[in-house]
Amino acid sequence: MASSSVGMVSLLLVSWMVVPSLAKVYTVGDTPGWTTGVDYSTWTKDKTFKVGDSLVFNYPTSHTVDEVSSSDYSTCTVGNAITTDNSGATTVALKTAGTHYFICGVMGHCANGMKLSVKVESGSSAAPSKSPSSSSSSSPASTDKPSTGTPSTTTTTTKAPDSSSSWSLSPFMAVVTTCLALLVLVIS
């Protein structure tokens, strides 16, 4: 009976290791990172973002990562950010389905292409996400904010450029835990 309980605990441990590893961590812009001169709509074209995934923004501290409303994204309106960070390494956990919008809050940077739109899916669809076309016109500040009082993403400032979301587990720890769970299964 005890070996049956140990086996169930081990199976649960292995399952616990597999589920978090399904989340992906995307480094925005890949090697260049979050900067001017990168076409972020092309960068998102072949990617499918899902709830639980994370976006890692790496950038010089002369830039910002601002999550904004759809209309502020379209018009590159700065000053109305839902969340903002300028630490140089920002990880955003994608916690809800829907389209999330990010711009650089430095005047003129968004109009020069430093904007990112990601469609986050909750299901298991394999269709790549599309990004709306960019607009560089300016307009007065918008009041188009999400209907909920809390942001749909969590922004975490990190020091390591290749940091991951809290749902991800390092491959080394996943292997170690899986080996320990299998060892317990064999012993019992």
C-alpha atoms as a PDB file:
ATOM      1  CA  MET A   1       0.000   0.000   0.000  1.00  0.00           C
ATOM      2  CA  ALA A   2       2.865   2.380   0.820  1.00  0.00           C
ATOM      3  CA  SER A   3       4.555   1.686  -2.504  1.00  0.00           C
ATOM      4  CA  SER A   4       1.279   2.500  -4.272  1.00  0.00           C
ATOM      5  CA  SER A   5       1.159   5.897  -2.534  1.00  0.00           C
ATOM      6  CA  VAL A   6       4.789   6.593  -3.403  1.00  0.00           C
ATOM      7  CA  GLY A   7       4.086   5.634  -7.008  1.00  0.00           C
ATOM      8  CA  MET A   8       1.122   8.037  -7.166  1.00  0.00           C
ATOM      9  CA  VAL A   9       3.182  10.853  -5.664  1.00  0.00           C
ATOM     10  CA  SER A  10       5.938  10.163  -8.184  1.00  0.00           C
ATOM     11  CA  LEU A  11       3.458  10.192 -11.058  1.00  0.00           C
ATOM     12  CA  LEU A  12       2.065  13.492  -9.814  1.00  0.00           C
ATOM     13  CA  LEU A  13       5.591  14.909  -9.608  1.00  0.00           C
ATOM     14  CA  VAL A  14       6.358  13.903 -13.198  1.00  0.00           C
ATOM     15  CA  SER A  15       3.048  15.399 -14.368  1.00  0.00           C
ATOM     16  CA  TRP A  16       3.794  18.593 -12.475  1.00  0.00           C
ATOM     17  CA  MET A  17       7.115  18.857 -14.321  1.00  0.00           C
ATOM     18  CA  VAL A  18       5.623  18.373 -17.789  1.00  0.00           C
ATOM     19  CA  VAL A  19       2.803  20.928 -17.610  1.00  0.00           C
ATOM     20  CA  PRO A  20       4.914  24.029 -16.773  1.00  0.00           C
ATOM     21  CA  SER A  21       7.450  23.163 -19.443  1.00  0.00           C
ATOM     22  CA  LEU A  22       4.761  23.660 -22.107  1.00  0.00           C
ATOM     23  CA  ALA A  23       4.900  27.442 -21.575  1.00  0.00           C
ATOM     24  CA  LYS A  24       7.247  29.263 -23.934  1.00  0.00           C
ATOM     25  CA  VAL A  25       9.499  32.208 -23.248  1.00  0.00           C
ATOM     26  CA  TYR A  26       9.891  34.560 -26.217  1.00  0.00           C
ATOM     27  CA  THR A  27      12.728  37.085 -26.388  1.00  0.00           C
ATOM     28  CA  VAL A  28      11.110  40.048 -28.132  1.00  0.00           C
ATOM     29  CA  GLY A  29      12.991  40.898 -31.331  1.00  0.00           C
ATOM     30  CA  ASP A  30      15.363  37.949 -30.804  1.00  0.00           C
ATOM     31  CA  THR A  31      19.031  39.108 -30.915  1.00  0.00           C
ATOM     32  CA  PRO A  32      18.453  42.856 -31.486  1.00  0.00           C
ATOM     33  CA  GLY A  33      15.903  42.905 -28.655  1.00  0.00           C
ATOM     34  CA  TRP A  34      13.516  45.792 -27.961  1.00  0.00           C
ATOM     35  CA  THR A  35      14.909  48.649 -30.028  1.00  0.00           C
ATOM     36  CA  THR A  36      14.196  50.873 -32.995  1.00  0.00           C
ATOM     37  CA  GLY A  37      14.732  49.463 -36.481  1.00  0.00           C
ATOM     38  CA  VAL A  38      13.091  46.064 -35.836  1.00  0.00           C
ATOM     39  CA  ASP A  39       9.881  45.021 -37.611  1.00  0.00           C
ATOM     40  CA  TYR A  40       7.948  43.473 -34.724  1.00  0.00           C
ATOM     41  CA  SER A  41       4.953  42.527 -36.885  1.00  0.00           C
ATOM     42  CA  THR A  42       7.298  40.316 -38.915  1.00  0.00           C
ATOM     43  CA  TRP A  43       8.796  38.960 -35.682  1.00  0.00           C
ATOM     44  CA  THR A  44       5.347  37.859 -34.406  1.00  0.00           C
ATOM     45  CA  LYS A  45       4.149  36.474 -37.760  1.00  0.00           C
ATOM     46  CA  ASP A  46       5.297  32.860 -37.282  1.00  0.00           C
ATOM     47  CA  LYS A  47       4.654  32.683 -33.541  1.00  0.00           C
ATOM     48  CA  THR A  48       1.620  31.462 -31.619  1.00  0.00           C
ATOM     49  CA  PHE A  49       1.378  32.997 -28.169  1.00  0.00           C
ATOM     50  CA  LYS A  50      -0.619  31.215 -25.482  1.00  0.00           C
ATOM     51  CA  VAL A  51      -1.740  31.967 -21.950  1.00  0.00           C
ATOM     52  CA  GLY A  52       1.175  31.072 -19.659  1.00  0.00           C
ATOM     53  CA  ASP A  53       3.856  32.144 -22.144  1.00  0.00           C
ATOM     54  CA  SER A  54       6.182  35.040 -21.363  1.00  0.00           C
ATOM     55  CA  LEU A  55       7.691  37.895 -23.327  1.00  0.00           C
ATOM     56  CA  VAL A  56      11.220  38.960 -22.405  1.00  0.00           C
ATOM     57  CA  PHE A  57      12.144  42.488 -23.445  1.00  0.00           C
ATOM     58  CA  ASN A  58      15.894  43.239 -23.476  1.00  0.00           C
ATOM     59  CA  TYR A  59      16.785  46.877 -24.133  1.00  0.00           C
ATOM     60  CA  PRO A  60      18.964  49.797 -23.110  1.00  0.00           C
ATOM     61  CA  THR A  61      17.470  51.856 -20.274  1.00  0.00           C
ATOM     62  CA  SER A  62      16.936  54.710 -22.744  1.00  0.00           C
ATOM     63  CA  HIS A  63      13.782  52.810 -23.815  1.00  0.00           C
ATOM     64  CA  THR A  64      10.650  51.702 -21.956  1.00  0.00           C
ATOM     65  CA  VAL A  65       8.181  48.845 -22.214  1.00  0.00           C
ATOM     66  CA  ASP A  66       4.658  50.212 -21.859  1.00  0.00           C
ATOM     67  CA  GLU A  67       1.584  48.015 -22.073  1.00  0.00           C
ATOM     68  CA  VAL A  68      -1.127  50.189 -23.600  1.00  0.00           C
ATOM     69  CA  SER A  69      -4.695  50.095 -24.895  1.00  0.00           C
ATOM     70  CA  SER A  70      -5.535  49.296 -28.498  1.00  0.00           C
ATOM     71  CA  SER A  71      -6.194  52.933 -29.401  1.00  0.00           C
ATOM     72  CA  ASP A  72      -2.990  54.163 -27.698  1.00  0.00           C
ATOM     73  CA  TYR A  73      -1.116  51.489 -29.644  1.00  0.00           C
ATOM     74  CA  SER A  74      -2.687  52.557 -32.953  1.00  0.00           C
ATOM     75  CA  THR A  75      -1.975  56.242 -32.399  1.00  0.00           C
ATOM     76  CA  CYS A  76       1.323  55.833 -30.499  1.00  0.00           C
ATOM     77  CA  THR A  77      -0.077  57.833 -27.598  1.00  0.00           C
ATOM     78  CA  VAL A  78       2.312  57.858 -24.645  1.00  0.00           C
ATOM     79  CA  GLY A  79       1.486  58.698 -21.048  1.00  0.00           C
ATOM     80  CA  ASN A  80      -1.504  56.375 -20.585  1.00  0.00           C
ATOM     81  CA  ALA A  81       0.364  53.115 -19.953  1.00  0.00           C
ATOM     82  CA  ILE A  82      -1.399  50.278 -18.146  1.00  0.00           C
ATOM     83  CA  THR A  83       2.033  49.124 -16.962  1.00  0.00           C
ATOM     84  CA  THR A  84       5.483  50.512 -17.659  1.00  0.00           C
ATOM     85  CA  ASP A  85       9.095  49.528 -17.013  1.00  0.00           C
ATOM     86  CA  ASN A  86      12.491  50.954 -17.987  1.00  0.00           C
ATOM     87  CA  SER A  87      14.890  48.597 -16.211  1.00  0.00           C
ATOM     88  CA  GLY A  88      16.464  47.176 -19.378  1.00  0.00           C
ATOM     89  CA  ALA A  89      15.183  43.643 -18.790  1.00  0.00           C
ATOM     90  CA  THR A  90      11.428  43.182 -18.497  1.00  0.00           C
ATOM     91  CA  THR A  91       9.524  39.903 -18.420  1.00  0.00           C
ATOM     92  CA  VAL A  92       5.798  40.026 -19.112  1.00  0.00           C
ATOM     93  CA  ALA A  93       3.751  36.944 -18.207  1.00  0.00           C
ATOM     94  CA  LEU A  94       0.825  36.555 -20.607  1.00  0.00           C
ATOM     95  CA  LYS A  95      -1.977  35.616 -18.232  1.00  0.00           C
ATOM     96  CA  THR A  96      -5.082  36.258 -20.332  1.00  0.00           C
ATOM     97  CA  ALA A  97      -6.221  35.534 -23.870  1.00  0.00           C
ATOM     98  CA  GLY A  98      -6.711  38.449 -26.234  1.00  0.00           C
ATOM     99  CA  THR A  99      -4.497  40.985 -27.930  1.00  0.00           C
ATOM    100  CA  HIS A 100      -1.851  42.708 -25.811  1.00  0.00           C
ATOM    101  CA  TYR A 101      -0.212  45.946 -26.979  1.00  0.00           C
ATOM    102  CA  PHE A 102       3.249  47.271 -26.099  1.00  0.00           C
ATOM    103  CA  ILE A 103       5.062  50.427 -27.146  1.00  0.00           C
ATOM    104  CA  CYS A 104       8.206  52.308 -26.185  1.00  0.00           C
ATOM    105  CA  GLY A 105       7.083  55.345 -24.193  1.00  0.00           C
ATOM    106  CA  VAL A 106       9.961  57.525 -25.401  1.00  0.00           C
ATOM    107  CA  MET A 107       8.535  60.225 -27.664  1.00  0.00           C
ATOM    108  CA  GLY A 108       8.878  59.251 -31.332  1.00  0.00           C
ATOM    109  CA  HIS A 109      10.059  55.679 -30.796  1.00  0.00           C
ATOM    110  CA  CYS A 110       6.619  54.085 -31.275  1.00  0.00           C
ATOM    111  CA  ALA A 111       6.063  56.130 -34.443  1.00  0.00           C
ATOM    112  CA  ASN A 112       9.408  54.764 -35.669  1.00  0.00           C
ATOM    113  CA  GLY A 113       8.178  51.176 -35.255  1.00  0.00           C
ATOM    114  CA  MET A 114       8.949  50.367 -31.637  1.00  0.00           C
ATOM    115  CA  LYS A 115       5.559  48.767 -30.994  1.00  0.00           C
ATOM    116  CA  LEU A 116       4.443  45.196 -30.521  1.00  0.00           C
ATOM    117  CA  SER A 117       1.021  43.580 -30.715  1.00  0.00           C
ATOM    118  CA  VAL A 118       0.605  39.956 -29.663  1.00  0.00           C
ATOM    119  CA  LYS A 119      -2.546  37.872 -29.914  1.00  0.00           C
ATOM    120  CA  VAL A 120      -2.630  35.454 -26.992  1.00  0.00           C
ATOM    121  CA  GLU A 121      -4.667  32.277 -27.421  1.00  0.00           C
ATOM    122  CA  SER A 122      -6.133  30.205 -24.631  1.00  0.00           C
ATOM    123  CA  GLY A 123      -6.784  27.045 -26.671  1.00  0.00           C
ATOM    124  CA  SER A 124      -4.545  24.685 -28.602  1.00  0.00           C
ATOM    125  CA  SER A 125      -4.939  26.284 -32.037  1.00  0.00           C
ATOM    126  CA  ALA A 126      -1.832  26.084 -34.190  1.00  0.00           C
ATOM    127  CA  ALA A 127      -2.603  29.155 -36.299  1.00  0.00           C
ATOM    128  CA  PRO A 128       0.120  31.807 -36.089  1.00  0.00           C
ATOM    129  CA  SER A 129      -0.800  35.120 -34.537  1.00  0.00           C
ATOM    130  CA  LYS A 130      -1.171  38.195 -36.698  1.00  0.00           C
ATOM    131  CA  SER A 131      -0.260  41.747 -35.791  1.00  0.00           C
ATOM    132  CA  PRO A 132      -2.337  44.770 -36.743  1.00  0.00           C
ATOM    133  CA  SER A 133      -0.797  47.232 -39.177  1.00  0.00           C
ATOM    134  CA  SER A 134       1.186  50.102 -37.722  1.00  0.00           C
ATOM    135  CA  SER A 135       0.001  53.684 -37.688  1.00  0.00           C
ATOM    136  CA  SER A 136       2.249  56.638 -36.972  1.00  0.00           C
ATOM    137  CA  SER A 137      -0.342  59.384 -36.649  1.00  0.00           C
ATOM    138  CA  SER A 138      -0.743  61.155 -33.343  1.00  0.00           C
ATOM    139  CA  SER A 139      -3.877  62.145 -31.535  1.00  0.00           C
ATOM    140  CA  PRO A 140      -4.968  63.353 -28.122  1.00  0.00           C
ATOM    141  CA  ALA A 141      -4.723  60.978 -25.206  1.00  0.00           C
ATOM    142  CA  SER A 142      -7.202  58.142 -25.382  1.00  0.00           C
ATOM    143  CA  THR A 143      -9.444  56.897 -22.628  1.00  0.00           C
ATOM    144  CA  ASP A 144      -9.705  53.427 -24.198  1.00  0.00           C
ATOM    145  CA  LYS A 145      -8.640  51.263 -21.273  1.00  0.00           C
ATOM    146  CA  PRO A 146      -9.427  47.595 -20.622  1.00  0.00           C
ATOM    147  CA  SER A 147     -12.728  47.084 -18.832  1.00  0.00           C
ATOM    148  CA  THR A 148     -11.180  45.302 -15.867  1.00  0.00           C
ATOM    149  CA  GLY A 149      -9.481  47.143 -13.061  1.00  0.00           C
ATOM    150  CA  THR A 150      -6.434  44.914 -13.098  1.00  0.00           C
ATOM    151  CA  PRO A 151      -3.886  44.534 -15.895  1.00  0.00           C
ATOM    152  CA  SER A 152      -4.152  41.411 -18.007  1.00  0.00           C
ATOM    153  CA  THR A 153      -0.426  40.772 -17.811  1.00  0.00           C
ATOM    154  CA  THR A 154       2.142  40.826 -15.064  1.00  0.00           C
ATOM    155  CA  THR A 155       5.347  42.755 -15.610  1.00  0.00           C
ATOM    156  CA  THR A 156       8.399  41.574 -13.735  1.00  0.00           C
ATOM    157  CA  THR A 157      11.718  43.359 -13.743  1.00  0.00           C
ATOM    158  CA  THR A 158      14.611  40.948 -14.028  1.00  0.00           C
ATOM    159  CA  LYS A 159      18.372  41.308 -14.155  1.00  0.00           C
ATOM    160  CA  ALA A 160      19.215  38.345 -16.408  1.00  0.00           C
ATOM    161  CA  PRO A 161      18.612  38.895 -20.138  1.00  0.00           C
ATOM    162  CA  ASP A 162      17.445  35.320 -20.664  1.00  0.00           C
ATOM    163  CA  SER A 163      15.090  35.199 -17.710  1.00  0.00           C
ATOM    164  CA  SER A 164      11.912  33.187 -17.852  1.00  0.00           C
ATOM    165  CA  SER A 165       8.422  33.389 -16.456  1.00  0.00           C
ATOM    166  CA  SER A 166       7.500  31.992 -13.082  1.00  0.00           C
ATOM    167  CA  TRP A 167       5.729  29.112 -14.858  1.00  0.00           C
ATOM    168  CA  SER A 168       8.890  27.932 -16.589  1.00  0.00           C
ATOM    169  CA  LEU A 169      11.370  25.610 -14.993  1.00  0.00           C
ATOM    170  CA  SER A 170      15.019  25.322 -15.922  1.00  0.00           C
ATOM    171  CA  PRO A 171      15.695  22.245 -18.058  1.00  0.00           C
ATOM    172  CA  PHE A 172      18.320  21.077 -15.562  1.00  0.00           C
ATOM    173  CA  MET A 173      15.849  21.114 -12.666  1.00  0.00           C
ATOM    174  CA  ALA A 174      13.214  19.384 -14.796  1.00  0.00           C
ATOM    175  CA  VAL A 175      15.641  16.556 -15.599  1.00  0.00           C
ATOM    176  CA  VAL A 176      16.797  16.226 -11.974  1.00  0.00           C
ATOM    177  CA  THR A 177      13.247  16.124 -10.611  1.00  0.00           C
ATOM    178  CA  THR A 178      12.119  13.675 -13.288  1.00  0.00           C
ATOM    179  CA  CYS A 179      15.090  11.374 -12.546  1.00  0.00           C
ATOM    180  CA  LEU A 180      14.329  11.488  -8.822  1.00  0.00           C
ATOM    181  CA  ALA A 181      10.673  10.677  -9.457  1.00  0.00           C
ATOM    182  CA  LEU A 182      11.607   7.755 -11.716  1.00  0.00           C
ATOM    183  CA  LEU A 183      14.098   6.515  -9.121  1.00  0.00           C
ATOM    184  CA  VAL A 184      11.385   6.523  -6.470  1.00  0.00           C
ATOM    185  CA  LEU A 185       9.110   4.599  -8.846  1.00  0.00           C
ATOM    186  CA  VAL A 186      11.784   1.949  -9.483  1.00  0.00           C
ATOM    187  CA  ILE A 187      12.623   1.574  -5.796  1.00  0.00           C
ATOM    188  CA  SER A 188       8.985   1.186  -4.801  1.00  0.00           C
END
